[in-house]
C-alpha atoms as a PDB file:
ATOM      1  CA  MET A   1      13.029  24.498   5.965  1.00  0.00           C
ATOM      2  CA  PRO A   2      13.910  20.829   6.364  1.00  0.00           C
ATOM      3  CA  THR A   3      17.386  19.920   7.494  1.00  0.00           C
ATOM      4  CA  THR A   4      18.683  17.450   4.886  1.00  0.00           C
ATOM      5  CA  SER A   5      22.365  17.325   5.769  1.00  0.00           C
ATOM      6  CA  SER A   6      21.936  13.993   7.507  1.00  0.00           C
ATOM      7  CA  LEU A   7      19.392  11.220   7.771  1.00  0.00           C
ATOM      8  CA  PRO A   8      17.035  10.860  10.735  1.00  0.00           C
ATOM      9  CA  SER A   9      18.448   8.658  13.471  1.00  0.00           C
ATOM     10  CA  PHE A  10      17.036   5.243  14.301  1.00  0.00           C
ATOM     11  CA  SER A  11      16.017   6.463  17.762  1.00  0.00           C
ATOM     12  CA  GLN A  12      14.073   9.358  16.241  1.00  0.00           C
ATOM     13  CA  LEU A  13      12.215   7.112  13.802  1.00  0.00           C
ATOM     14  CA  ARG A  14      11.513   4.533  16.501  1.00  0.00           C
ATOM     15  CA  ALA A  15      10.168   7.266  18.785  1.00  0.00           C
ATOM     16  CA  PHE A  16       7.902   8.555  16.019  1.00  0.00           C
ATOM     17  CA  VAL A  17       6.511   5.085  15.202  1.00  0.00           C
ATOM     18  CA  ALA A  18       5.890   4.250  18.862  1.00  0.00           C
ATOM     19  CA  LEU A  19       4.164   7.578  19.467  1.00  0.00           C
ATOM     20  CA  CYS A  20       1.879   7.014  16.477  1.00  0.00           C
ATOM     21  CA  ASP A  21       1.058   3.483  17.665  1.00  0.00           C
ATOM     22  CA  TYR A  22       0.216   4.435  21.252  1.00  0.00           C
ATOM     23  CA  GLN A  23      -0.843   8.064  20.702  1.00  0.00           C
ATOM     24  CA  HIS A  24       0.351   8.953  24.177  1.00  0.00           C
ATOM     25  CA  PHE A  25       3.783  10.194  25.241  1.00  0.00           C
ATOM     26  CA  GLY A  26       3.711   8.339  28.561  1.00  0.00           C
ATOM     27  CA  GLU A  27       2.719   4.970  27.090  1.00  0.00           C
ATOM     28  CA  ALA A  28       5.178   5.253  24.203  1.00  0.00           C
ATOM     29  CA  ALA A  29       8.002   6.222  26.574  1.00  0.00           C
ATOM     30  CA  VAL A  30       7.340   3.170  28.761  1.00  0.00           C
ATOM     31  CA  ILE A  31       7.374   0.858  25.747  1.00  0.00           C
ATOM     32  CA  LEU A  32      10.646   2.344  24.512  1.00  0.00           C
ATOM     33  CA  GLY A  33      12.209   2.404  27.977  1.00  0.00           C
ATOM     34  CA  VAL A  34      12.990   6.125  27.851  1.00  0.00           C
ATOM     35  CA  SER A  35      11.807   9.183  29.752  1.00  0.00           C
ATOM     36  CA  GLN A  36       9.008  11.346  28.397  1.00  0.00           C
ATOM     37  CA  PRO A  37      11.352  14.358  27.996  1.00  0.00           C
ATOM     38  CA  SER A  38      13.746  12.217  25.942  1.00  0.00           C
ATOM     39  CA  LEU A  39      10.889  11.017  23.758  1.00  0.00           C
ATOM     40  CA  SER A  40       9.624  14.561  23.278  1.00  0.00           C
ATOM     41  CA  GLN A  41      13.115  15.752  22.350  1.00  0.00           C
ATOM     42  CA  ALA A  42      13.462  12.981  19.758  1.00  0.00           C
ATOM     43  CA  ILE A  43      10.146  13.944  18.141  1.00  0.00           C
ATOM     44  CA  THR A  44      11.007  17.653  18.168  1.00  0.00           C
ATOM     45  CA  ALA A  45      14.406  16.937  16.601  1.00  0.00           C
ATOM     46  CA  LEU A  46      12.800  14.821  13.882  1.00  0.00           C
ATOM     47  CA  GLU A  47      10.209  17.508  13.136  1.00  0.00           C
ATOM     48  CA  LYS A  48      12.969  20.094  12.889  1.00  0.00           C
ATOM     49  CA  ARG A  49      14.917  17.827  10.563  1.00  0.00           C
ATOM     50  CA  ILE A  50      12.001  17.347   8.137  1.00  0.00           C
ATOM     51  CA  GLY A  51      10.659  20.877   8.505  1.00  0.00           C
ATOM     52  CA  GLY A  52       7.105  20.019   9.492  1.00  0.00           C
ATOM     53  CA  GLU A  53       4.846  18.971  12.351  1.00  0.00           C
ATOM     54  CA  LEU A  54       4.345  15.213  12.682  1.00  0.00           C
ATOM     55  CA  VAL A  55       1.997  15.137  15.671  1.00  0.00           C
ATOM     56  CA  GLU A  56      -0.352  17.487  17.473  1.00  0.00           C
ATOM     57  CA  ARG A  57       0.100  17.514  21.236  1.00  0.00           C
ATOM     58  CA  THR A  58      -3.149  17.607  23.197  1.00  0.00           C
ATOM     59  CA  THR A  59      -3.796  17.349  26.918  1.00  0.00           C
ATOM     60  CA  ARG A  60      -4.779  13.684  26.669  1.00  0.00           C
ATOM     61  CA  ARG A  61      -3.783  12.048  23.401  1.00  0.00           C
ATOM     62  CA  VAL A  62      -1.483  12.654  20.477  1.00  0.00           C
ATOM     63  CA  LEU A  63      -2.974  13.253  17.035  1.00  0.00           C
ATOM     64  CA  VAL A  64      -0.947  12.348  13.950  1.00  0.00           C
ATOM     65  CA  THR A  65      -0.884  15.149  11.372  1.00  0.00           C
ATOM     66  CA  PRO A  66      -1.448  14.544   7.632  1.00  0.00           C
ATOM     67  CA  LEU A  67       2.324  14.857   7.147  1.00  0.00           C
ATOM     68  CA  GLY A  68       2.854  12.317   9.913  1.00  0.00           C
ATOM     69  CA  GLN A  69       0.379   9.923   8.304  1.00  0.00           C
ATOM     70  CA  THR A  70       2.220  10.249   4.993  1.00  0.00           C
ATOM     71  CA  LEU A  71       5.655   9.577   6.490  1.00  0.00           C
ATOM     72  CA  LEU A  72       4.628   6.896   9.025  1.00  0.00           C
ATOM     73  CA  PRO A  73       4.730   3.904   6.616  1.00  0.00           C
ATOM     74  CA  TYR A  74       8.285   4.813   5.559  1.00  0.00           C
ATOM     75  CA  ALA A  75       9.390   5.294   9.157  1.00  0.00           C
ATOM     76  CA  ARG A  76       7.860   1.959  10.142  1.00  0.00           C
ATOM     77  CA  GLU A  77       9.582   0.120   7.295  1.00  0.00           C
ATOM     78  CA  ALA A  78      12.903   1.686   8.270  1.00  0.00           C
ATOM     79  CA  VAL A  79      12.477   0.696  11.932  1.00  0.00           C
ATOM     80  CA  LEU A  80      11.459  -2.868  11.063  1.00  0.00           C
ATOM     81  CA  ALA A  81      14.395  -3.202   8.662  1.00  0.00           C
ATOM     82  CA  ALA A  82      16.829  -1.954  11.306  1.00  0.00           C
ATOM     83  CA  GLU A  83      15.373  -4.335  13.907  1.00  0.00           C
ATOM     84  CA  ALA A  84      15.589  -7.223  11.436  1.00  0.00           C
ATOM     85  CA  PHE A  85      19.239  -6.348  10.829  1.00  0.00           C
ATOM     86  CA  ASN A  86      19.927  -6.308  14.566  1.00  0.00           C
ATOM     87  CA  ASP A  87      18.130  -9.649  14.985  1.00  0.00           C
ATOM     88  CA  ALA A  88      20.194 -11.192  12.206  1.00  0.00           C
ATOM     89  CA  VAL A  89      23.420  -9.968  13.811  1.00  0.00           C
ATOM     90  CA  ALA A  90      22.406 -11.085  17.298  1.00  0.00           C
ATOM     91  CA  ASN A  91      21.146 -14.489  16.197  1.00  0.00           C
ATOM     92  CA  GLN A  92      23.843 -15.468  13.700  1.00  0.00           C
ATOM     93  CA  GLY A  93      24.739 -19.071  14.349  1.00  0.00           C
ATOM     94  CA  VAL A  94      22.301 -19.314  17.249  1.00  0.00           C
ATOM     95  CA  ALA A  95      18.718 -20.231  16.372  1.00  0.00           C
ATOM     96  CA  LEU A  96      15.608 -19.763  18.500  1.00  0.00           C
ATOM     97  CA  THR A  97      17.047 -17.947  21.482  1.00  0.00           C
ATOM     98  CA  GLY A  98      15.927 -14.955  23.495  1.00  0.00           C
ATOM     99  CA  THR A  99      12.464 -13.438  23.789  1.00  0.00           C
ATOM    100  CA  MET A 100       9.797 -14.138  21.184  1.00  0.00           C
ATOM    101  CA  ARG A 101       6.489 -12.270  21.325  1.00  0.00           C
ATOM    102  CA  LEU A 102       4.017 -14.887  20.118  1.00  0.00           C
ATOM    103  CA  GLY A 103       0.343 -14.189  19.444  1.00  0.00           C
ATOM    104  CA  LEU A 104      -2.453 -16.763  19.807  1.00  0.00           C
ATOM    105  CA  ILE A 105      -6.082 -16.537  18.703  1.00  0.00           C
ATOM    106  CA  PRO A 106      -8.762 -16.965  21.425  1.00  0.00           C
ATOM    107  CA  THR A 107     -10.219 -20.175  19.945  1.00  0.00           C
ATOM    108  CA  LEU A 108      -6.777 -21.801  20.068  1.00  0.00           C
ATOM    109  CA  ALA A 109      -5.075 -20.273  23.093  1.00  0.00           C
ATOM    110  CA  PRO A 110      -6.979 -22.126  25.884  1.00  0.00           C
ATOM    111  CA  TYR A 111      -5.656 -25.525  24.841  1.00  0.00           C
ATOM    112  CA  LEU A 112      -2.490 -24.678  22.876  1.00  0.00           C
ATOM    113  CA  ALA A 113      -0.967 -22.164  25.323  1.00  0.00           C
ATOM    114  CA  PRO A 114      -0.476 -24.798  28.095  1.00  0.00           C
ATOM    115  CA  ILE A 115       1.169 -27.111  25.557  1.00  0.00           C
ATOM    116  CA  ILE A 116       3.552 -24.330  24.479  1.00  0.00           C
ATOM    117  CA  LEU A 117       4.408 -23.217  27.999  1.00  0.00           C
ATOM    118  CA  ASP A 118       4.964 -26.784  29.168  1.00  0.00           C
ATOM    119  CA  GLY A 119       6.822 -28.150  26.151  1.00  0.00           C
ATOM    120  CA  LEU A 120       8.981 -25.341  24.783  1.00  0.00           C
ATOM    121  CA  PRO A 121      11.285 -25.098  27.823  1.00  0.00           C
ATOM    122  CA  ARG A 122      12.250 -28.732  27.197  1.00  0.00           C
ATOM    123  CA  GLU A 123      12.536 -28.482  23.424  1.00  0.00           C
ATOM    124  CA  LEU A 124      14.003 -24.984  23.130  1.00  0.00           C
ATOM    125  CA  PRO A 125      15.399 -24.039  26.541  1.00  0.00           C
ATOM    126  CA  ARG A 126      17.021 -20.816  25.294  1.00  0.00           C
ATOM    127  CA  LEU A 127      13.778 -19.446  23.857  1.00  0.00           C
ATOM    128  CA  GLN A 128      11.569 -17.286  26.068  1.00  0.00           C
ATOM    129  CA  PRO A 129       8.044 -17.053  24.595  1.00  0.00           C
ATOM    130  CA  GLU A 130       5.788 -14.175  25.597  1.00  0.00           C
ATOM    131  CA  LEU A 131       2.251 -15.291  24.725  1.00  0.00           C
ATOM    132  CA  ARG A 132      -0.398 -12.716  23.852  1.00  0.00           C
ATOM    133  CA  GLU A 133      -4.000 -13.679  23.109  1.00  0.00           C
ATOM    134  CA  MET A 134      -5.940 -11.568  20.605  1.00  0.00           C
ATOM    135  CA  VAL A 135      -8.187 -11.889  17.563  1.00  0.00           C
ATOM    136  CA  THR A 136      -6.725 -12.413  14.109  1.00  0.00           C
ATOM    137  CA  GLY A 137      -7.124  -8.830  12.894  1.00  0.00           C
ATOM    138  CA  ASP A 138      -5.288  -7.417  15.899  1.00  0.00           C
ATOM    139  CA  ILE A 139      -2.553 -10.027  15.520  1.00  0.00           C
ATOM    140  CA  LEU A 140      -1.940  -9.097  11.885  1.00  0.00           C
ATOM    141  CA  ASP A 141      -1.913  -5.392  12.764  1.00  0.00           C
ATOM    142  CA  MET A 142       0.594  -5.917  15.588  1.00  0.00           C
ATOM    143  CA  LEU A 143       2.774  -8.072  13.346  1.00  0.00           C
ATOM    144  CA  SER A 144       2.923  -5.339  10.714  1.00  0.00           C
ATOM    145  CA  GLN A 145       3.743  -2.781  13.411  1.00  0.00           C
ATOM    146  CA  GLY A 146       6.569  -4.911  14.802  1.00  0.00           C
ATOM    147  CA  ARG A 147       4.800  -5.384  18.150  1.00  0.00           C
ATOM    148  CA  LEU A 148       4.631  -9.173  17.697  1.00  0.00           C
ATOM    149  CA  ASP A 149       7.340 -11.443  16.312  1.00  0.00           C
ATOM    150  CA  ALA A 150       5.029 -14.230  15.181  1.00  0.00           C
ATOM    151  CA  ALA A 151       1.649 -15.797  15.921  1.00  0.00           C
ATOM    152  CA  VAL A 152      -0.155 -19.119  15.749  1.00  0.00           C
ATOM    153  CA  ILE A 153      -3.501 -18.632  14.013  1.00  0.00           C
ATOM    154  CA  ALA A 154      -5.885 -20.225  11.538  1.00  0.00           C
ATOM    155  CA  ILE A 155      -4.147 -19.236   8.318  1.00  0.00           C
ATOM    156  CA  ASP A 156      -7.039 -19.844   5.901  1.00  0.00           C
ATOM    157  CA  VAL A 157      -7.861 -16.116   6.031  1.00  0.00           C
ATOM    158  CA  ASP A 158      -6.508 -12.998   4.318  1.00  0.00           C
ATOM    159  CA  LEU A 159      -3.045 -12.621   5.860  1.00  0.00           C
ATOM    160  CA  HIS A 160      -2.401  -9.208   4.312  1.00  0.00           C
ATOM    161  CA  ARG A 161       1.404  -8.952   4.019  1.00  0.00           C
ATOM    162  CA  ALA A 162       2.281 -11.702   6.498  1.00  0.00           C
ATOM    163  CA  ALA A 163       4.042 -14.929   5.575  1.00  0.00           C
ATOM    164  CA  ALA A 164       2.681 -18.260   6.817  1.00  0.00           C
ATOM    165  CA  VAL A 165       4.235 -21.600   7.767  1.00  0.00           C
ATOM    166  CA  PRO A 166       1.483 -24.283   7.756  1.00  0.00           C
ATOM    167  CA  MET A 167       1.496 -26.672  10.737  1.00  0.00           C
ATOM    168  CA  PHE A 168      -1.564 -28.958  10.655  1.00  0.00           C
ATOM    169  CA  ASP A 169      -5.269 -29.116   9.876  1.00  0.00           C
ATOM    170  CA  GLU A 170      -7.656 -29.121  12.838  1.00  0.00           C
ATOM    171  CA  PRO A 171     -11.051 -30.825  12.316  1.00  0.00           C
ATOM    172  CA  LEU A 172     -14.208 -28.807  12.830  1.00  0.00           C
ATOM    173  CA  VAL A 173     -17.110 -30.510  14.602  1.00  0.00           C
ATOM    174  CA  VAL A 174     -20.695 -29.557  15.375  1.00  0.00           C
ATOM    175  CA  LEU A 175     -21.902 -28.918  18.908  1.00  0.00           C
ATOM    176  CA  VAL A 176     -25.596 -29.747  19.392  1.00  0.00           C
ATOM    177  CA  PRO A 177     -28.025 -30.078  22.346  1.00  0.00           C
ATOM    178  CA  ARG A 178     -27.820 -33.475  24.052  1.00  0.00           C
ATOM    179  CA  ASN A 179     -31.236 -34.572  22.736  1.00  0.00           C
ATOM    180  CA  HIS A 180     -30.606 -33.353  19.184  1.00  0.00           C
ATOM    181  CA  PRO A 181     -31.099 -35.924  16.357  1.00  0.00           C
ATOM    182  CA  TRP A 182     -27.481 -35.359  15.323  1.00  0.00           C
ATOM    183  CA  ALA A 183     -26.063 -36.228  18.756  1.00  0.00           C
ATOM    184  CA  GLY A 184     -23.237 -38.732  18.379  1.00  0.00           C
ATOM    185  CA  ARG A 185     -23.360 -38.907  14.602  1.00  0.00           C
ATOM    186  CA  THR A 186     -20.111 -39.414  12.722  1.00  0.00           C
ATOM    187  CA  ASP A 187     -21.507 -39.300   9.192  1.00  0.00           C
ATOM    188  CA  LEU A 188     -22.716 -35.728   8.775  1.00  0.00           C
ATOM    189  CA  SER A 189     -22.545 -34.128   5.384  1.00  0.00           C
ATOM    190  CA  THR A 190     -21.986 -30.409   5.098  1.00  0.00           C
ATOM    191  CA  GLU A 191     -25.182 -30.133   3.047  1.00  0.00           C
ATOM    192  CA  GLU A 192     -27.178 -31.044   6.159  1.00  0.00           C
ATOM    193  CA  LEU A 193     -26.395 -27.616   7.597  1.00  0.00           C
ATOM    194  CA  GLU A 194     -29.148 -26.372   5.270  1.00  0.00           C
ATOM    195  CA  GLU A 195     -31.970 -26.651   7.823  1.00  0.00           C
ATOM    196  CA  GLN A 196     -30.065 -25.703  10.980  1.00  0.00           C
ATOM    197  CA  GLN A 197     -29.828 -22.455  12.913  1.00  0.00           C
ATOM    198  CA  LEU A 198     -26.126 -21.817  13.346  1.00  0.00           C
ATOM    199  CA  LEU A 199     -24.805 -19.749  16.253  1.00  0.00           C
ATOM    200  CA  LEU A 200     -21.691 -17.658  15.701  1.00  0.00           C
ATOM    201  CA  LEU A 201     -19.018 -15.836  17.590  1.00  0.00           C
ATOM    202  CA  ASP A 202     -18.860 -12.076  17.179  1.00  0.00           C
ATOM    203  CA  GLU A 203     -17.099 -10.237  14.366  1.00  0.00           C
ATOM    204  CA  GLY A 204     -13.308 -10.280  14.469  1.00  0.00           C
ATOM    205  CA  ASN A 205     -13.099 -13.956  15.411  1.00  0.00           C
ATOM    206  CA  CYS A 206     -11.728 -16.146  12.645  1.00  0.00           C
ATOM    207  CA  LEU A 207     -13.956 -19.081  13.680  1.00  0.00           C
ATOM    208  CA  ARG A 208     -16.952 -16.919  12.819  1.00  0.00           C
ATOM    209  CA  ASP A 209     -15.561 -16.381   9.321  1.00  0.00           C
ATOM    210  CA  GLN A 210     -14.907 -20.097   8.866  1.00  0.00           C
ATOM    211  CA  THR A 211     -18.449 -20.969   9.976  1.00  0.00           C
ATOM    212  CA  LEU A 212     -19.871 -18.294   7.694  1.00  0.00           C
ATOM    213  CA  ALA A 213     -17.923 -19.787   4.802  1.00  0.00           C
ATOM    214  CA  LEU A 214     -19.559 -23.145   5.493  1.00  0.00           C
ATOM    215  CA  CYS A 215     -22.983 -21.518   5.658  1.00  0.00           C
ATOM    216  CA  GLN A 216     -22.540 -19.546   2.463  1.00  0.00           C
ATOM    217  CA  ARG A 217     -21.499 -22.681   0.666  1.00  0.00           C
ATOM    218  CA  TYR A 218     -24.015 -25.140   2.049  1.00  0.00           C
ATOM    219  CA  SER A 219     -26.906 -23.240   3.631  1.00  0.00           C
ATOM    220  CA  SER A 220     -29.472 -20.748   2.411  1.00  0.00           C
ATOM    221  CA  HIS A 221     -30.339 -19.633   5.957  1.00  0.00           C
ATOM    222  CA  PRO A 222     -28.329 -16.711   7.331  1.00  0.00           C
ATOM    223  CA  PRO A 223     -26.724 -17.628  10.666  1.00  0.00           C
ATOM    224  CA  ALA A 224     -27.110 -15.473  13.744  1.00  0.00           C
ATOM    225  CA  ALA A 225     -24.140 -13.850  15.476  1.00  0.00           C
ATOM    226  CA  VAL A 226     -25.034 -14.071  19.121  1.00  0.00           C
ATOM    227  CA  ALA A 227     -22.005 -14.049  21.430  1.00  0.00           C
ATOM    228  CA  THR A 228     -18.488 -12.762  21.932  1.00  0.00           C
ATOM    229  CA  THR A 229     -17.134 -15.885  23.659  1.00  0.00           C
ATOM    230  CA  LEU A 230     -17.265 -19.571  22.880  1.00  0.00           C
ATOM    231  CA  SER A 231     -18.530 -20.378  26.380  1.00  0.00           C
ATOM    232  CA  THR A 232     -21.623 -18.218  25.780  1.00  0.00           C
ATOM    233  CA  VAL A 233     -22.277 -19.886  22.432  1.00  0.00           C
ATOM    234  CA  VAL A 234     -22.021 -23.293  24.136  1.00  0.00           C
ATOM    235  CA  ARG A 235     -24.586 -22.283  26.753  1.00  0.00           C
ATOM    236  CA  MET A 236     -26.976 -21.211  24.011  1.00  0.00           C
ATOM    237  CA  VAL A 237     -26.503 -24.582  22.349  1.00  0.00           C
ATOM    238  CA  VAL A 238     -27.320 -26.281  25.659  1.00  0.00           C
ATOM    239  CA  HIS A 239     -30.527 -24.260  25.888  1.00  0.00           C
ATOM    240  CA  GLY A 240     -31.612 -25.329  22.416  1.00  0.00           C
ATOM    241  CA  VAL A 241     -31.177 -22.002  20.637  1.00  0.00           C
ATOM    242  CA  GLY A 242     -29.202 -23.597  17.827  1.00  0.00           C
ATOM    243  CA  ILE A 243     -26.023 -25.467  16.960  1.00  0.00           C
ATOM    244  CA  THR A 244     -22.472 -24.248  16.436  1.00  0.00           C
ATOM    245  CA  VAL A 245     -19.248 -25.272  14.727  1.00  0.00           C
ATOM    246  CA  VAL A 246     -16.144 -25.551  16.917  1.00  0.00           C
ATOM    247  CA  PRO A 247     -12.578 -26.798  16.459  1.00  0.00           C
ATOM    248  CA  GLU A 248     -12.330 -30.315  17.839  1.00  0.00           C
ATOM    249  CA  GLY A 249      -9.463 -29.320  20.106  1.00  0.00           C
ATOM    250  CA  ALA A 250     -11.799 -26.970  21.990  1.00  0.00           C
ATOM    251  CA  LEU A 251     -13.848 -29.922  23.256  1.00  0.00           C
ATOM    252  CA  ARG A 252     -11.252 -30.637  25.928  1.00  0.00           C
ATOM    253  CA  MET A 253     -11.945 -27.195  27.417  1.00  0.00           C
ATOM    254  CA  LEU A 254     -15.733 -27.609  27.608  1.00  0.00           C
ATOM    255  CA  ASP A 255     -17.030 -29.201  30.801  1.00  0.00           C
ATOM    256  CA  HIS A 256     -20.808 -28.933  30.356  1.00  0.00           C
ATOM    257  CA  GLU A 257     -22.614 -32.273  30.130  1.00  0.00           C
ATOM    258  CA  ASP A 258     -25.763 -31.071  28.376  1.00  0.00           C
ATOM    259  CA  TYR A 259     -24.432 -30.943  24.838  1.00  0.00           C
ATOM    260  CA  ALA A 260     -23.401 -33.568  22.314  1.00  0.00           C
ATOM    261  CA  VAL A 261     -20.972 -33.678  19.401  1.00  0.00           C
ATOM    262  CA  ALA A 262     -21.627 -34.570  15.780  1.00  0.00           C
ATOM    263  CA  ARG A 263     -18.796 -35.184  13.324  1.00  0.00           C
ATOM    264  CA  PHE A 264     -18.624 -34.966   9.570  1.00  0.00           C
ATOM    265  CA  ALA A 265     -18.044 -38.014   7.412  1.00  0.00           C
ATOM    266  CA  GLY A 266     -14.563 -38.534   6.014  1.00  0.00           C
ATOM    267  CA  ARG A 267     -12.062 -35.721   6.337  1.00  0.00           C
ATOM    268  CA  GLY A 268     -14.756 -33.077   6.699  1.00  0.00           C
ATOM    269  CA  PRO A 269     -14.214 -29.323   7.140  1.00  0.00           C
ATOM    270  CA  VAL A 270     -10.978 -28.240   8.812  1.00  0.00           C
ATOM    271  CA  ARG A 271      -9.159 -25.077   9.729  1.00  0.00           C
ATOM    272  CA  ARG A 272      -5.472 -24.831   8.873  1.00  0.00           C
ATOM    273  CA  ILE A 273      -3.250 -23.851  11.774  1.00  0.00           C
ATOM    274  CA  GLY A 274       0.107 -22.231  11.152  1.00  0.00           C
ATOM    275  CA  ILE A 275       2.657 -19.665  12.238  1.00  0.00           C
ATOM    276  CA  VAL A 276       2.559 -16.215  10.651  1.00  0.00           C
ATOM    277  CA  HIS A 277       5.351 -13.657  10.658  1.00  0.00           C
ATOM    278  CA  ARG A 278       6.423 -10.549   8.780  1.00  0.00           C
ATOM    279  CA  THR A 279       7.750 -11.225   5.299  1.00  0.00           C
ATOM    280  CA  SER A 280      10.684  -8.940   6.118  1.00  0.00           C
ATOM    281  CA  SER A 281      11.708 -10.952   9.184  1.00  0.00           C
ATOM    282  CA  SER A 282      15.223 -12.369   9.221  1.00  0.00           C
ATOM    283  CA  ARG A 283      14.008 -15.308  11.323  1.00  0.00           C
ATOM    284  CA  SER A 284      11.951 -17.205   8.738  1.00  0.00           C
ATOM    285  CA  GLU A 285      14.074 -20.329   9.201  1.00  0.00           C
ATOM    286  CA  ASP A 286      13.541 -20.083  12.958  1.00  0.00           C
ATOM    287  CA  PHE A 287       9.779 -19.881  12.483  1.00  0.00           C
ATOM    288  CA  THR A 288       9.814 -22.919  10.198  1.00  0.00           C
ATOM    289  CA  ARG A 289      11.659 -24.884  12.860  1.00  0.00           C
ATOM    290  CA  LEU A 290       9.332 -23.557  15.574  1.00  0.00           C
ATOM    291  CA  ALA A 291       6.319 -24.683  13.542  1.00  0.00           C
ATOM    292  CA  LYS A 292       7.700 -28.228  13.439  1.00  0.00           C
ATOM    293  CA  VAL A 293       8.401 -28.213  17.181  1.00  0.00           C
ATOM    294  CA  LEU A 294       4.922 -26.919  18.051  1.00  0.00           C
ATOM    295  CA  THR A 295       3.269 -29.433  15.719  1.00  0.00           C
ATOM    296  CA  ARG A 296       5.108 -32.280  17.417  1.00  0.00           C
ATOM    297  CA  LEU A 297       4.242 -30.982  20.893  1.00  0.00           C
ATOM    298  CA  ALA A 298       0.565 -30.667  19.929  1.00  0.00           C
ATOM    299  CA  ALA A 299       0.536 -34.197  18.529  1.00  0.00           C
ATOM    300  CA  ASP A 300       2.234 -35.598  21.629  1.00  0.00           C
ATOM    301  CA  ALA A 301      -0.399 -33.881  23.781  1.00  0.00           C
ATOM    302  CA  GLY A 302      -3.172 -35.593  21.830  1.00  0.00           C
ATOM    303  CA  LEU A 303      -4.509 -32.483  20.094  1.00  0.00           C
ATOM    304  CA  PRO A 304      -6.851 -33.575  17.274  1.00  0.00           C
ATOM    305  CA  MET A 305      -5.116 -32.889  13.985  1.00  0.00           C
ATOM    306  CA  LEU A 306      -4.918 -34.090  10.440  1.00  0.00           C
ATOM    307  CA  PRO A 307      -1.857 -34.029   8.177  1.00  0.00           C
ATOM    308  CA  LEU A 308      -1.693 -31.160   5.736  1.00  0.00           C
ATOM    309  CA  ASN A 309      -3.665 -31.873   2.590  1.00  0.00           C
ATOM    310  CA  GLY A 310      -3.056 -29.528  -0.295  1.00  0.00           C
END
């Protein structure tokens, strides 16, 4: 029978959520900063309180039971709400201080991370960013789980339940072989993609989705997904396999001399960069201010950007 005389404790719920996320007592205990016996006791106490088994202990991993799967969303919401309350208490009257776990997507991190690490200590000396590079889907999952505080991503994708603060639009350009007829052009139209073989990054990368959107709108030829990293795609461009679409900011990270750049006429296609965070976060005003600071730092560093348009 469940014990209903009192509510589960925060430590019990936090232990349960962490164990479900990491599916290993040792890993979850390290993340929580507790011993494995303490973690096990918290789970056992919670199971006794609700009158059912939440996890199955195996020799290697932990399996979440159907009851655990049912109760996990409620436990997670309770933990996130309690953490948001604690953040609001700790940060009252003091904005943008302490540790912030900040995600970055791989097609942005190589040139934005140095700007953040160099500029934020001057602009926000009491803020300690912990940067973590991962693809958009993983970022949104970790945000919802409370394992990231915020992230800088291309926000023109399905953000699920995350809130977004737009920062700027980054132009997209076309990378072509050096002897390609488009080399050096600045008057491309998107319709001209019709006859080209486009090379893509692998699934899970938001740049792939943005390129696919261009193809589906302007080209009848299905593009080929050929690589997991931008550097590999660039090498295939150099060898004449096809062309690819890249954010203009990435050009500063490419050092190969055997490719050329073609740009679209006018404003052209862009990807919108912004900060995402949980809708339940008590720090939305902080993230709005952080977005302004990062936008200014990126502009000062010469990152190609366009003002927000619509």
